[in-house]
Amino acid sequence: METKVTWFGHATLGLQTAGYSILIDPFFSGNPAATEKADHVKADFILITHGHSDHVGDSISIAKRTNALVIANFEISNWLGNKGLKNTHAQHIGGGFQHPFGYLKLTTALHGSSLPDGSNGGNPAGFLITTNQNKKIYFAGDTGLFGDMRLIGEEGIDLAVLPIGDNYTMGPADALRAVKLIQPKHVIPIHFNTWPLIAQDVNGWAKTVQAETDSLVHILQPGGSFVL
């Protein structure tokens, strides 16, 4: 069974694997790059990397409509519970759990995580998913460069999904360094060109990555997919 990653624009992603539909940081309403509407997307699971409004996004409305299980850190899970969501699963950095779609471990991410109403969103995270077909996908989340990406790479990463927009996350130069640390087989860049502040030459970045590493870069248009 194939594993497919879809980029919906900004940092919103879909993952289809083992017959399940997973949404990551589902920010559709107010997202100028979004190609879908929140009331149209399917979800069996929703994963939230951190508490910022462009990542929590439409999680609550989608979860209420679909009854998707929402997976996030403890603080965000509690906040969602206070908003009326009971179908949540809390994890923390370094902790893993075998979900129906695969084994999910939370990784370090260097960023903030305050929630839209100012509540404490705990620590930001990335996601390392080992699918039931033993494909390893690293969703870095919003993060700066950190040396322990090399440790993540030691897992043997099939696909890394990395921000390249700069200002709020890694920019192109640090994202290139991240690829060199992780050494994934495939890379998808995200979190760029949503607004002028994070505009980047993604084609130039891809050429540099492929010239200096063995990783293959896949530039997706919003709504586009990559099959692993």
Foldseek 3Di string as FASTA:
>chain_A
DWWKWAFQAAQWIWIAAPNFIEIFQDAAVPQQQGPDHLVPDAHQEYEFQAADCSRCHCVLVNCVVHVHEYEYAPQVQVVSVVVPRDRYDHDDAPDWDQDPFFIKHWHAAAAAHQHPVRHHTPGGTWIWGQGPVRATETEGPAHEADLCLLVVLVSAHQEYEEEAQPPRGNHLVRVLVSCVSNVYQEYEYHNAPSDPSRHDDVVVSQVVSVVVGNHHYDYARNRDMDID
